[in-house]
């Protein structure tokens, strides 16, 4: 039941020389589930729901969305669950804070690129 077989990860580093900011996108799809998970009728929606305990909802994003800590936003859209997270900042400075709004903007970009 390894995570690496059911999720795809992409990392995007900042282009600014003085920044250590990293955006990570983790995507889980029903189609990408292992045979073992498919046999148990496990879905991306179930994974999304199982990971939600006590999380703050975010309205107006996908079918459902919630914050997975201060720097991560989880979104469900049809048979796809994804997480957008941002870490790091400007070297020697605080850098712009990670906000729900900045994470929402990133998630909207992902949603625009998902098959309809």
PDB file of N, CA and C in Angstrom:
ATOM      1  N   UNK A   1       0.827  -1.167   0.000  1.00  0.00           N
ATOM      2  CA  UNK A   1       0.000   0.000   0.000  1.00  0.00           C
ATOM      3  C   UNK A   1       0.881   1.243   0.000  1.00  0.00           C
ATOM      4  N   UNK A   2       1.957   1.243  -0.732  1.00  0.00           N
ATOM      5  CA  UNK A   2       2.909   2.344  -0.744  1.00  0.00           C
ATOM      6  C   UNK A   2       2.358   3.613  -1.355  1.00  0.00           C
ATOM      7  N   UNK A   3       2.617   4.734  -0.703  1.00  0.00           N
ATOM      8  CA  UNK A   3       2.150   6.028  -1.186  1.00  0.00           C
ATOM      9  C   UNK A   3       2.719   6.342  -2.552  1.00  0.00           C
ATOM     10  N   UNK A   4       3.979   5.961  -2.794  1.00  0.00           N
ATOM     11  CA  UNK A   4       4.605   6.306  -4.060  1.00  0.00           C
ATOM     12  C   UNK A   4       3.899   5.681  -5.259  1.00  0.00           C
ATOM     13  N   UNK A   5       3.094   4.650  -5.054  1.00  0.00           N
ATOM     14  CA  UNK A   5       2.397   4.033  -6.171  1.00  0.00           C
ATOM     15  C   UNK A   5       1.029   4.641  -6.401  1.00  0.00           C
ATOM     16  N   UNK A   6       0.514   5.403  -5.424  1.00  0.00           N
ATOM     17  CA  UNK A   6      -0.815   5.966  -5.611  1.00  0.00           C
ATOM     18  C   UNK A   6      -0.812   7.480  -5.731  1.00  0.00           C
ATOM     19  N   UNK A   7       0.324   8.122  -5.507  1.00  0.00           N
ATOM     20  CA  UNK A   7       0.369   9.571  -5.671  1.00  0.00           C
ATOM     21  C   UNK A   7       1.553   9.960  -6.537  1.00  0.00           C
ATOM     22  N   UNK A   8       1.403  11.084  -7.186  1.00  0.00           N
ATOM     23  CA  UNK A   8       2.464  11.657  -8.011  1.00  0.00           C
ATOM     24  C   UNK A   8       2.863  12.967  -7.360  1.00  0.00           C
ATOM     25  N   UNK A   9       4.162  13.212  -7.246  1.00  0.00           N
ATOM     26  CA  UNK A   9       4.662  14.425  -6.617  1.00  0.00           C
ATOM     27  C   UNK A   9       5.430  15.257  -7.625  1.00  0.00           C
ATOM     28  N   UNK A  10       5.218  16.573  -7.560  1.00  0.00           N
ATOM     29  CA  UNK A  10       5.980  17.526  -8.355  1.00  0.00           C
ATOM     30  C   UNK A  10       6.453  18.620  -7.421  1.00  0.00           C
ATOM     31  N   UNK A  11       7.682  19.039  -7.578  1.00  0.00           N
ATOM     32  CA  UNK A  11       8.205  20.135  -6.777  1.00  0.00           C
ATOM     33  C   UNK A  11       8.663  21.258  -7.678  1.00  0.00           C
ATOM     34  N   UNK A  12       8.398  22.486  -7.270  1.00  0.00           N
ATOM     35  CA  UNK A  12       8.766  23.664  -8.032  1.00  0.00           C
ATOM     36  C   UNK A  12       9.544  24.597  -7.123  1.00  0.00           C
ATOM     37  N   UNK A  13      10.807  24.828  -7.433  1.00  0.00           N
ATOM     38  CA  UNK A  13      11.655  25.706  -6.629  1.00  0.00           C
ATOM     39  C   UNK A  13      11.566  27.130  -7.144  1.00  0.00           C
ATOM     40  N   UNK A  14      11.806  28.075  -6.255  1.00  0.00           N
ATOM     41  CA  UNK A  14      11.790  29.497  -6.624  1.00  0.00           C
ATOM     42  C   UNK A  14      12.930  29.789  -7.587  1.00  0.00           C
ATOM     43  N   UNK A  15      12.693  30.746  -8.465  1.00  0.00           N
ATOM     44  CA  UNK A  15      13.741  31.137  -9.409  1.00  0.00           C
ATOM     45  C   UNK A  15      14.607  32.261  -8.854  1.00  0.00           C
ATOM     46  N   UNK A  16      14.135  32.929  -7.820  1.00  0.00           N
ATOM     47  CA  UNK A  16      14.912  34.008  -7.213  1.00  0.00           C
ATOM     48  C   UNK A  16      16.122  33.422  -6.482  1.00  0.00           C
ATOM     49  N   UNK A  17      17.251  34.017  -6.679  1.00  0.00           N
ATOM     50  CA  UNK A  17      18.500  33.528  -6.103  1.00  0.00           C
ATOM     51  C   UNK A  17      18.470  33.489  -4.572  1.00  0.00           C
ATOM     52  N   UNK A  18      17.771  34.439  -3.953  1.00  0.00           N
ATOM     53  CA  UNK A  18      17.770  34.541  -2.500  1.00  0.00           C
ATOM     54  C   UNK A  18      16.556  33.870  -1.860  1.00  0.00           C
ATOM     55  N   UNK A  19      15.907  32.985  -2.570  1.00  0.00           N
ATOM     56  CA  UNK A  19      14.713  32.350  -2.030  1.00  0.00           C
ATOM     57  C   UNK A  19      14.900  30.840  -1.922  1.00  0.00           C
ATOM     58  N   UNK A  20      14.373  30.301  -0.846  1.00  0.00           N
ATOM     59  CA  UNK A  20      14.381  28.847  -0.681  1.00  0.00           C
ATOM     60  C   UNK A  20      12.949  28.305  -0.747  1.00  0.00           C
ATOM     61  N   UNK A  21      12.051  29.096  -1.312  1.00  0.00           N
ATOM     62  CA  UNK A  21      10.643  28.717  -1.391  1.00  0.00           C
ATOM     63  C   UNK A  21      10.471  27.521  -2.319  1.00  0.00           C
ATOM     64  N   UNK A  22       9.611  26.584  -1.893  1.00  0.00           N
ATOM     65  CA  UNK A  22       9.330  25.381  -2.671  1.00  0.00           C
ATOM     66  C   UNK A  22       7.832  25.135  -2.665  1.00  0.00           C
ATOM     67  N   UNK A  23       7.267  24.945  -3.851  1.00  0.00           N
ATOM     68  CA  UNK A  23       5.863  24.562  -3.986  1.00  0.00           C
ATOM     69  C   UNK A  23       5.842  23.088  -4.345  1.00  0.00           C
ATOM     70  N   UNK A  24       5.060  22.324  -3.602  1.00  0.00           N
ATOM     71  CA  UNK A  24       4.936  20.891  -3.889  1.00  0.00           C
ATOM     72  C   UNK A  24       3.481  20.584  -4.216  1.00  0.00           C
ATOM     73  N   UNK A  25       3.285  19.788  -5.248  1.00  0.00           N
ATOM     74  CA  UNK A  25       1.965  19.338  -5.665  1.00  0.00           C
ATOM     75  C   UNK A  25       1.948  17.816  -5.577  1.00  0.00           C
ATOM     76  N   UNK A  26       1.012  17.292  -4.813  1.00  0.00           N
ATOM     77  CA  UNK A  26       0.825  15.850  -4.682  1.00  0.00           C
ATOM     78  C   UNK A  26      -0.551  15.517  -5.248  1.00  0.00           C
ATOM     79  N   UNK A  27      -0.599  14.579  -6.194  1.00  0.00           N
ATOM     80  CA  UNK A  27      -1.852  14.243  -6.871  1.00  0.00           C
ATOM     81  C   UNK A  27      -2.139  12.751  -6.710  1.00  0.00           C
ATOM     82  N   UNK A  28      -3.374  12.450  -6.295  1.00  0.00           N
ATOM     83  CA  UNK A  28      -3.836  11.066  -6.179  1.00  0.00           C
ATOM     84  C   UNK A  28      -5.079  10.928  -7.042  1.00  0.00           C
ATOM     85  N   UNK A  29      -5.106   9.890  -7.882  1.00  0.00           N
ATOM     86  CA  UNK A  29      -6.272   9.646  -8.737  1.00  0.00           C
ATOM     87  C   UNK A  29      -6.798   8.241  -8.502  1.00  0.00           C
ATOM     88  N   UNK A  30      -8.078   8.050  -8.773  1.00  0.00           N
ATOM     89  CA  UNK A  30      -8.633   6.701  -8.688  1.00  0.00           C
ATOM     90  C   UNK A  30      -7.886   5.759  -9.621  1.00  0.00           C
ATOM     91  N   UNK A  31      -7.601   6.235 -10.829  1.00  0.00           N
ATOM     92  CA  UNK A  31      -6.920   5.408 -11.827  1.00  0.00           C
ATOM     93  C   UNK A  31      -5.511   5.020 -11.379  1.00  0.00           C
ATOM     94  N   UNK A  32      -4.883   5.837 -10.550  1.00  0.00           N
ATOM     95  CA  UNK A  32      -3.520   5.580 -10.111  1.00  0.00           C
ATOM     96  C   UNK A  32      -3.407   4.695  -8.889  1.00  0.00           C
ATOM     97  N   UNK A  33      -4.537   4.255  -8.329  1.00  0.00           N
ATOM     98  CA  UNK A  33      -4.504   3.392  -7.141  1.00  0.00           C
ATOM     99  C   UNK A  33      -3.929   2.025  -7.502  1.00  0.00           C
ATOM    100  N   UNK A  34      -3.243   1.437  -6.554  1.00  0.00           N
ATOM    101  CA  UNK A  34      -2.709   0.092  -6.761  1.00  0.00           C
ATOM    102  C   UNK A  34      -3.865  -0.903  -6.886  1.00  0.00           C
ATOM    103  N   UNK A  35      -3.589  -2.065  -7.435  1.00  0.00           N
ATOM    104  CA  UNK A  35      -4.615  -3.097  -7.572  1.00  0.00           C
ATOM    105  C   UNK A  35      -5.185  -3.463  -6.207  1.00  0.00           C
ATOM    106  N   UNK A  36      -4.317  -3.563  -5.225  1.00  0.00           N
ATOM    107  CA  UNK A  36      -4.765  -3.894  -3.863  1.00  0.00           C
ATOM    108  C   UNK A  36      -5.790  -2.882  -3.354  1.00  0.00           C
ATOM    109  N   UNK A  37      -5.518  -1.601  -3.555  1.00  0.00           N
ATOM    110  CA  UNK A  37      -6.453  -0.567  -3.111  1.00  0.00           C
ATOM    111  C   UNK A  37      -7.732  -0.576  -3.930  1.00  0.00           C
ATOM    112  N   UNK A  38      -7.605  -0.788  -5.229  1.00  0.00           N
ATOM    113  CA  UNK A  38      -8.795  -0.869  -6.084  1.00  0.00           C
ATOM    114  C   UNK A  38      -9.667  -2.050  -5.668  1.00  0.00           C
ATOM    115  N   UNK A  39      -9.046  -3.191  -5.360  1.00  0.00           N
ATOM    116  CA  UNK A  39      -9.793  -4.369  -4.915  1.00  0.00           C
ATOM    117  C   UNK A  39     -10.555  -4.088  -3.626  1.00  0.00           C
ATOM    118  N   UNK A  40     -10.020  -3.203  -2.799  1.00  0.00           N
ATOM    119  CA  UNK A  40     -10.674  -2.835  -1.536  1.00  0.00           C
ATOM    120  C   UNK A  40     -11.622  -1.652  -1.723  1.00  0.00           C
ATOM    121  N   UNK A  41     -11.827  -1.234  -2.997  1.00  0.00           N
ATOM    122  CA  UNK A  41     -12.731  -0.125  -3.351  1.00  0.00           C
ATOM    123  C   UNK A  41     -12.278   1.206  -2.746  1.00  0.00           C
ATOM    124  N   UNK A  42     -10.974   1.382  -2.567  1.00  0.00           N
ATOM    125  CA  UNK A  42     -10.427   2.626  -2.035  1.00  0.00           C
ATOM    126  C   UNK A  42     -10.369   3.655  -3.155  1.00  0.00           C
ATOM    127  N   UNK A  43     -10.679   4.903  -2.860  1.00  0.00           N
ATOM    128  CA  UNK A  43     -10.719   5.958  -3.873  1.00  0.00           C
ATOM    129  C   UNK A  43      -9.949   7.191  -3.408  1.00  0.00           C
ATOM    130  N   UNK A  44      -9.698   8.094  -4.345  1.00  0.00           N
ATOM    131  CA  UNK A  44      -9.065   9.367  -4.013  1.00  0.00           C
ATOM    132  C   UNK A  44      -9.948  10.149  -3.038  1.00  0.00           C
ATOM    133  N   UNK A  45     -11.261  10.072  -3.219  1.00  0.00           N
ATOM    134  CA  UNK A  45     -12.187  10.754  -2.314  1.00  0.00           C
ATOM    135  C   UNK A  45     -12.075  10.200  -0.902  1.00  0.00           C
ATOM    136  N   UNK A  46     -11.952   8.892  -0.776  1.00  0.00           N
ATOM    137  CA  UNK A  46     -11.832   8.292   0.550  1.00  0.00           C
ATOM    138  C   UNK A  46     -10.535   8.739   1.226  1.00  0.00           C
ATOM    139  N   UNK A  47      -9.438   8.786   0.466  1.00  0.00           N
ATOM    140  CA  UNK A  47      -8.165   9.258   1.009  1.00  0.00           C
ATOM    141  C   UNK A  47      -8.301  10.709   1.472  1.00  0.00           C
ATOM    142  N   UNK A  48      -8.932  11.541   0.663  1.00  0.00           N
ATOM    143  CA  UNK A  48      -9.184  12.942   0.990  1.00  0.00           C
ATOM    144  C   UNK A  48      -9.964  13.041   2.304  1.00  0.00           C
ATOM    145  N   UNK A  49     -11.031  12.262   2.406  1.00  0.00           N
ATOM    146  CA  UNK A  49     -11.893  12.285   3.588  1.00  0.00           C
ATOM    147  C   UNK A  49     -11.173  11.736   4.821  1.00  0.00           C
ATOM    148  N   UNK A  50     -10.434  10.657   4.657  1.00  0.00           N
ATOM    149  CA  UNK A  50      -9.712  10.040   5.787  1.00  0.00           C
ATOM    150  C   UNK A  50      -8.667  10.975   6.379  1.00  0.00           C
ATOM    151  N   UNK A  51      -8.122  11.863   5.563  1.00  0.00           N
ATOM    152  CA  UNK A  51      -7.053  12.771   5.999  1.00  0.00           C
ATOM    153  C   UNK A  51      -7.593  14.078   6.581  1.00  0.00           C
ATOM    154  N   UNK A  52      -8.888  14.262   6.604  1.00  0.00           N
ATOM    155  CA  UNK A  52      -9.507  15.535   6.927  1.00  0.00           C
ATOM    156  C   UNK A  52      -9.693  15.830   8.417  1.00  0.00           C
ATOM    157  N   UNK A  53      -9.671  14.888   9.282  1.00  0.00           N
ATOM    158  CA  UNK A  53     -10.059  15.030  10.690  1.00  0.00           C
ATOM    159  C   UNK A  53      -9.655  16.365  11.313  1.00  0.00           C
ATOM    160  N   UNK A  54     -10.649  17.154  11.696  1.00  0.00           N
ATOM    161  CA  UNK A  54     -10.439  18.413  12.393  1.00  0.00           C
ATOM    162  C   UNK A  54      -9.913  19.563  11.552  1.00  0.00           C
ATOM    163  N   UNK A  55      -9.833  19.401  10.245  1.00  0.00           N
ATOM    164  CA  UNK A  55      -9.261  20.434   9.365  1.00  0.00           C
ATOM    165  C   UNK A  55     -10.283  21.539   9.072  1.00  0.00           C
ATOM    166  N   UNK A  56      -9.785  22.715   8.751  1.00  0.00           N
ATOM    167  CA  UNK A  56     -10.610  23.871   8.415  1.00  0.00           C
ATOM    168  C   UNK A  56     -11.012  23.821   6.943  1.00  0.00           C
ATOM    169  N   UNK A  57     -12.310  23.909   6.665  1.00  0.00           N
ATOM    170  CA  UNK A  57     -12.818  23.890   5.290  1.00  0.00           C
ATOM    171  C   UNK A  57     -12.463  25.174   4.558  1.00  0.00           C
ATOM    172  N   UNK A  58     -12.308  25.055   3.233  1.00  0.00           N
ATOM    173  CA  UNK A  58     -12.087  26.203   2.360  1.00  0.00           C
ATOM    174  C   UNK A  58     -13.199  26.158   1.308  1.00  0.00           C
ATOM    175  N   UNK A  59     -14.041  27.177   1.309  1.00  0.00           N
ATOM    176  CA  UNK A  59     -15.210  27.201   0.427  1.00  0.00           C
ATOM    177  C   UNK A  59     -14.843  27.623  -0.990  1.00  0.00           C
ATOM    178  N   UNK A  60     -15.653  27.136  -1.960  1.00  0.00           N
ATOM    179  CA  UNK A  60     -15.558  27.604  -3.338  1.00  0.00           C
ATOM    180  C   UNK A  60     -14.392  27.069  -4.135  1.00  0.00           C
ATOM    181  N   UNK A  61     -13.871  25.921  -3.745  1.00  0.00           N
ATOM    182  CA  UNK A  61     -12.708  25.367  -4.434  1.00  0.00           C
ATOM    183  C   UNK A  61     -12.936  23.885  -4.688  1.00  0.00           C
ATOM    184  N   UNK A  62     -13.047  23.495  -5.956  1.00  0.00           N
ATOM    185  CA  UNK A  62     -13.302  22.105  -6.293  1.00  0.00           C
ATOM    186  C   UNK A  62     -14.630  21.646  -5.708  1.00  0.00           C
ATOM    187  N   UNK A  63     -14.772  20.337  -5.558  1.00  0.00           N
ATOM    188  CA  UNK A  63     -15.974  19.792  -4.914  1.00  0.00           C
ATOM    189  C   UNK A  63     -15.910  19.987  -3.410  1.00  0.00           C
ATOM    190  N   UNK A  64     -14.680  19.984  -2.874  1.00  0.00           N
ATOM    191  CA  UNK A  64     -14.467  20.155  -1.445  1.00  0.00           C
ATOM    192  C   UNK A  64     -12.998  20.516  -1.252  1.00  0.00           C
ATOM    193  N   UNK A  65     -12.705  21.244  -0.193  1.00  0.00           N
ATOM    194  CA  UNK A  65     -11.314  21.627   0.082  1.00  0.00           C
ATOM    195  C   UNK A  65     -11.147  21.903   1.564  1.00  0.00           C
ATOM    196  N   UNK A  66      -9.941  21.668   2.068  1.00  0.00           N
ATOM    197  CA  UNK A  66      -9.633  21.973   3.462  1.00  0.00           C
ATOM    198  C   UNK A  66      -8.142  22.230   3.614  1.00  0.00           C
ATOM    199  N   UNK A  67      -7.823  22.986   4.671  1.00  0.00           N
ATOM    200  CA  UNK A  67      -6.427  23.258   4.994  1.00  0.00           C
ATOM    201  C   UNK A  67      -5.847  22.048   5.711  1.00  0.00           C
ATOM    202  N   UNK A  68      -4.685  21.616   5.276  1.00  0.00           N
ATOM    203  CA  UNK A  68      -3.983  20.503   5.901  1.00  0.00           C
ATOM    204  C   UNK A  68      -2.787  21.036   6.666  1.00  0.00           C
ATOM    205  N   UNK A  69      -3.020  21.956   7.590  1.00  0.00           N
ATOM    206  CA  UNK A  69      -1.949  22.649   8.292  1.00  0.00           C
ATOM    207  C   UNK A  69      -1.837  24.055   7.742  1.00  0.00           C
ATOM    208  N   UNK A  70      -0.905  24.848   8.251  1.00  0.00           N
ATOM    209  CA  UNK A  70      -0.832  26.251   7.850  1.00  0.00           C
ATOM    210  C   UNK A  70      -0.301  26.493   6.437  1.00  0.00           C
ATOM    211  N   UNK A  71       0.366  25.499   5.848  1.00  0.00           N
ATOM    212  CA  UNK A  71       1.008  25.697   4.543  1.00  0.00           C
ATOM    213  C   UNK A  71       0.554  24.713   3.477  1.00  0.00           C
ATOM    214  N   UNK A  72      -0.574  24.039   3.690  1.00  0.00           N
ATOM    215  CA  UNK A  72      -1.023  23.034   2.726  1.00  0.00           C
ATOM    216  C   UNK A  72      -2.533  23.101   2.536  1.00  0.00           C
ATOM    217  N   UNK A  73      -2.954  22.978   1.296  1.00  0.00           N
ATOM    218  CA  UNK A  73      -4.363  23.005   0.933  1.00  0.00           C
ATOM    219  C   UNK A  73      -4.685  21.722   0.177  1.00  0.00           C
ATOM    220  N   UNK A  74      -5.709  21.003   0.648  1.00  0.00           N
ATOM    221  CA  UNK A  74      -6.152  19.753   0.025  1.00  0.00           C
ATOM    222  C   UNK A  74      -7.450  20.010  -0.724  1.00  0.00           C
ATOM    223  N   UNK A  75      -7.525  19.490  -1.959  1.00  0.00           N
ATOM    224  CA  UNK A  75      -8.685  19.735  -2.814  1.00  0.00           C
ATOM    225  C   UNK A  75      -9.158  18.420  -3.422  1.00  0.00           C
ATOM    226  N   UNK A  76     -10.479  18.269  -3.499  1.00  0.00           N
ATOM    227  CA  UNK A  76     -11.090  17.116  -4.158  1.00  0.00           C
ATOM    228  C   UNK A  76     -11.860  17.603  -5.365  1.00  0.00           C
ATOM    229  N   UNK A  77     -11.637  16.963  -6.522  1.00  0.00           N
ATOM    230  CA  UNK A  77     -12.389  17.251  -7.738  1.00  0.00           C
ATOM    231  C   UNK A  77     -12.593  15.944  -8.482  1.00  0.00           C
ATOM    232  N   UNK A  78     -13.829  15.481  -8.493  1.00  0.00           N
ATOM    233  CA  UNK A  78     -14.200  14.208  -9.121  1.00  0.00           C
ATOM    234  C   UNK A  78     -13.347  13.084  -8.553  1.00  0.00           C
ATOM    235  N   UNK A  79     -12.557  12.401  -9.395  1.00  0.00           N
ATOM    236  CA  UNK A  79     -11.754  11.262  -8.930  1.00  0.00           C
ATOM    237  C   UNK A  79     -10.297  11.640  -8.680  1.00  0.00           C
ATOM    238  N   UNK A  80     -10.068  12.926  -8.398  1.00  0.00           N
ATOM    239  CA  UNK A  80      -8.717  13.430  -8.141  1.00  0.00           C
ATOM    240  C   UNK A  80      -8.687  14.165  -6.801  1.00  0.00           C
ATOM    241  N   UNK A  81      -7.696  13.820  -5.999  1.00  0.00           N
ATOM    242  CA  UNK A  81      -7.428  14.545  -4.759  1.00  0.00           C
ATOM    243  C   UNK A  81      -6.007  15.081  -4.876  1.00  0.00           C
ATOM    244  N   UNK A  82      -5.835  16.372  -4.575  1.00  0.00           N
ATOM    245  CA  UNK A  82      -4.478  16.897  -4.631  1.00  0.00           C
ATOM    246  C   UNK A  82      -4.210  17.837  -3.461  1.00  0.00           C
ATOM    247  N   UNK A  83      -2.927  17.966  -3.147  1.00  0.00           N
ATOM    248  CA  UNK A  83      -2.466  18.856  -2.094  1.00  0.00           C
ATOM    249  C   UNK A  83      -1.443  19.807  -2.680  1.00  0.00           C
ATOM    250  N   UNK A  84      -1.618  21.095  -2.408  1.00  0.00           N
ATOM    251  CA  UNK A  84      -0.645  22.116  -2.777  1.00  0.00           C
ATOM    252  C   UNK A  84      -0.052  22.615  -1.468  1.00  0.00           C
ATOM    253  N   UNK A  85       1.280  22.567  -1.364  1.00  0.00           N
ATOM    254  CA  UNK A  85       1.930  23.067  -0.155  1.00  0.00           C
ATOM    255  C   UNK A  85       3.099  23.967  -0.539  1.00  0.00           C
ATOM    256  N   UNK A  86       3.397  24.907   0.343  1.00  0.00           N
ATOM    257  CA  UNK A  86       4.495  25.849   0.119  1.00  0.00           C
ATOM    258  C   UNK A  86       5.354  25.875   1.372  1.00  0.00           C
ATOM    259  N   UNK A  87       6.648  25.749   1.179  1.00  0.00           N
ATOM    260  CA  UNK A  87       7.588  25.809   2.294  1.00  0.00           C
ATOM    261  C   UNK A  87       8.712  26.782   1.958  1.00  0.00           C
ATOM    262  N   UNK A  88       9.462  27.156   2.968  1.00  0.00           N
ATOM    263  CA  UNK A  88      10.622  28.019   2.768  1.00  0.00           C
ATOM    264  C   UNK A  88      10.248  29.476   2.622  1.00  0.00           C
ATOM    265  N   UNK A  89      11.249  30.282   2.314  1.00  0.00           N
ATOM    266  CA  UNK A  89      11.049  31.721   2.163  1.00  0.00           C
ATOM    267  C   UNK A  89      12.309  32.361   1.638  1.00  0.00           C
ATOM    268  N   UNK A  90      12.377  33.662   1.719  1.00  0.00           N
ATOM    269  CA  UNK A  90      13.548  34.392   1.242  1.00  0.00           C
ATOM    270  C   UNK A  90      14.699  34.220   2.233  1.00  0.00           C
ATOM    271  N   UNK A  91      15.883  33.985   1.736  1.00  0.00           N
ATOM    272  CA  UNK A  91      17.061  33.826   2.563  1.00  0.00           C
ATOM    273  C   UNK A  91      17.375  35.137   3.267  1.00  0.00           C
ATOM    274  N   UNK A  92      17.489  35.081   4.596  1.00  0.00           N
ATOM    275  CA  UNK A  92      17.807  36.271   5.366  1.00  0.00           C
ATOM    276  C   UNK A  92      16.637  37.211   5.566  1.00  0.00           C
ATOM    277  N   UNK A  93      15.451  36.830   5.094  1.00  0.00           N
ATOM    278  CA  UNK A  93      14.256  37.662   5.246  1.00  0.00           C
ATOM    279  C   UNK A  93      13.083  36.747   5.561  1.00  0.00           C
ATOM    280  N   UNK A  94      12.010  37.347   6.013  1.00  0.00           N
ATOM    281  CA  UNK A  94      10.811  36.558   6.283  1.00  0.00           C
ATOM    282  C   UNK A  94      10.118  36.114   5.008  1.00  0.00           C
ATOM    283  N   UNK A  95      10.208  36.920   3.947  1.00  0.00           N
ATOM    284  CA  UNK A  95       9.507  36.594   2.707  1.00  0.00           C
ATOM    285  C   UNK A  95       8.009  36.750   2.897  1.00  0.00           C
ATOM    286  N   UNK A  96       7.276  36.713   1.812  1.00  0.00           N
ATOM    287  CA  UNK A  96       5.816  36.817   1.882  1.00  0.00           C
ATOM    288  C   UNK A  96       5.262  35.580   2.581  1.00  0.00           C
ATOM    289  N   UNK A  97       4.317  35.774   3.486  1.00  0.00           N
ATOM    290  CA  UNK A  97       3.765  34.620   4.195  1.00  0.00           C
ATOM    291  C   UNK A  97       2.916  33.754   3.266  1.00  0.00           C
ATOM    292  N   UNK A  98       2.834  32.489   3.602  1.00  0.00           N
ATOM    293  CA  UNK A  98       1.933  31.583   2.891  1.00  0.00           C
ATOM    294  C   UNK A  98       0.552  31.809   3.488  1.00  0.00           C
ATOM    295  N   UNK A  99      -0.424  32.092   2.639  1.00  0.00           N
ATOM    296  CA  UNK A  99      -1.788  32.357   3.097  1.00  0.00           C
ATOM    297  C   UNK A  99      -2.768  31.415   2.416  1.00  0.00           C
ATOM    298  N   UNK A 100      -3.965  31.354   2.958  1.00  0.00           N
ATOM    299  CA  UNK A 100      -5.028  30.577   2.316  1.00  0.00           C
ATOM    300  C   UNK A 100      -5.254  31.108   0.905  1.00  0.00           C
ATOM    301  N   UNK A 101      -5.177  32.421   0.752  1.00  0.00           N
ATOM    302  CA  UNK A 101      -5.398  33.031  -0.563  1.00  0.00           C
ATOM    303  C   UNK A 101      -4.317  32.629  -1.566  1.00  0.00           C
ATOM    304  N   UNK A 102      -3.054  32.610  -1.127  1.00  0.00           N
ATOM    305  CA  UNK A 102      -1.987  32.223  -2.059  1.00  0.00           C
ATOM    306  C   UNK A 102      -2.094  30.744  -2.421  1.00  0.00           C
ATOM    307  N   UNK A 103      -2.451  29.910  -1.460  1.00  0.00           N
ATOM    308  CA  UNK A 103      -2.633  28.483  -1.744  1.00  0.00           C
ATOM    309  C   UNK A 103      -3.848  28.263  -2.642  1.00  0.00           C
ATOM    310  N   UNK A 104      -4.907  29.040  -2.422  1.00  0.00           N
ATOM    311  CA  UNK A 104      -6.107  28.931  -3.245  1.00  0.00           C
ATOM    312  C   UNK A 104      -5.803  29.301  -4.690  1.00  0.00           C
ATOM    313  N   UNK A 105      -5.009  30.336  -4.896  1.00  0.00           N
ATOM    314  CA  UNK A 105      -4.632  30.731  -6.257  1.00  0.00           C
ATOM    315  C   UNK A 105      -3.864  29.602  -6.952  1.00  0.00           C
ATOM    316  N   UNK A 106      -2.954  28.966  -6.238  1.00  0.00           N
ATOM    317  CA  UNK A 106      -2.214  27.832  -6.819  1.00  0.00           C
ATOM    318  C   UNK A 106      -3.164  26.679  -7.136  1.00  0.00           C
ATOM    319  N   UNK A 107      -4.088  26.383  -6.214  1.00  0.00           N
ATOM    320  CA  UNK A 107      -5.034  25.281  -6.421  1.00  0.00           C
ATOM    321  C   UNK A 107      -5.949  25.556  -7.615  1.00  0.00           C
ATOM    322  N   UNK A 108      -6.363  26.804  -7.806  1.00  0.00           N
ATOM    323  CA  UNK A 108      -7.207  27.147  -8.961  1.00  0.00           C
ATOM    324  C   UNK A 108      -6.457  26.873 -10.277  1.00  0.00           C
ATOM    325  N   UNK A 109      -5.156  27.128 -10.289  1.00  0.00           N
ATOM    326  CA  UNK A 109      -4.354  26.839 -11.479  1.00  0.00           C
ATOM    327  C   UNK A 109      -4.367  25.338 -11.762  1.00  0.00           C
ATOM    328  N   UNK A 110      -4.224  24.532 -10.729  1.00  0.00           N
ATOM    329  CA  UNK A 110      -4.272  23.070 -10.894  1.00  0.00           C
ATOM    330  C   UNK A 110      -5.646  22.654 -11.406  1.00  0.00           C
ATOM    331  N   UNK A 111      -6.716  23.161 -10.798  1.00  0.00           N
ATOM    332  CA  UNK A 111      -8.071  22.794 -11.197  1.00  0.00           C
ATOM    333  C   UNK A 111      -8.337  23.123 -12.662  1.00  0.00           C
ATOM    334  N   UNK A 112      -7.813  24.237 -13.138  1.00  0.00           N
ATOM    335  CA  UNK A 112      -7.994  24.625 -14.544  1.00  0.00           C
ATOM    336  C   UNK A 112      -7.373  23.619 -15.500  1.00  0.00           C
ATOM    337  N   UNK A 113      -6.384  22.893 -15.032  1.00  0.00           N
ATOM    338  CA  UNK A 113      -5.660  21.966 -15.901  1.00  0.00           C
ATOM    339  C   UNK A 113      -6.156  20.516 -15.798  1.00  0.00           C
ATOM    340  N   UNK A 114      -7.062  20.252 -14.881  1.00  0.00           N
ATOM    341  CA  UNK A 114      -7.602  18.904 -14.763  1.00  0.00           C
ATOM    342  C   UNK A 114      -8.593  18.626 -15.888  1.00  0.00           C
ATOM    343  N   UNK A 115      -8.640  17.387 -16.359  1.00  0.00           N
ATOM    344  CA  UNK A 115      -9.639  17.034 -17.381  1.00  0.00           C
ATOM    345  C   UNK A 115     -11.052  17.269 -16.842  1.00  0.00           C
ATOM    346  N   UNK A 116     -11.915  17.716 -17.695  1.00  0.00           N
ATOM    347  CA  UNK A 116     -13.307  18.015 -17.258  1.00  0.00           C
ATOM    348  C   UNK A 116     -14.194  16.833 -17.435  1.00  0.00           C
TER     349      UNK A 116
END
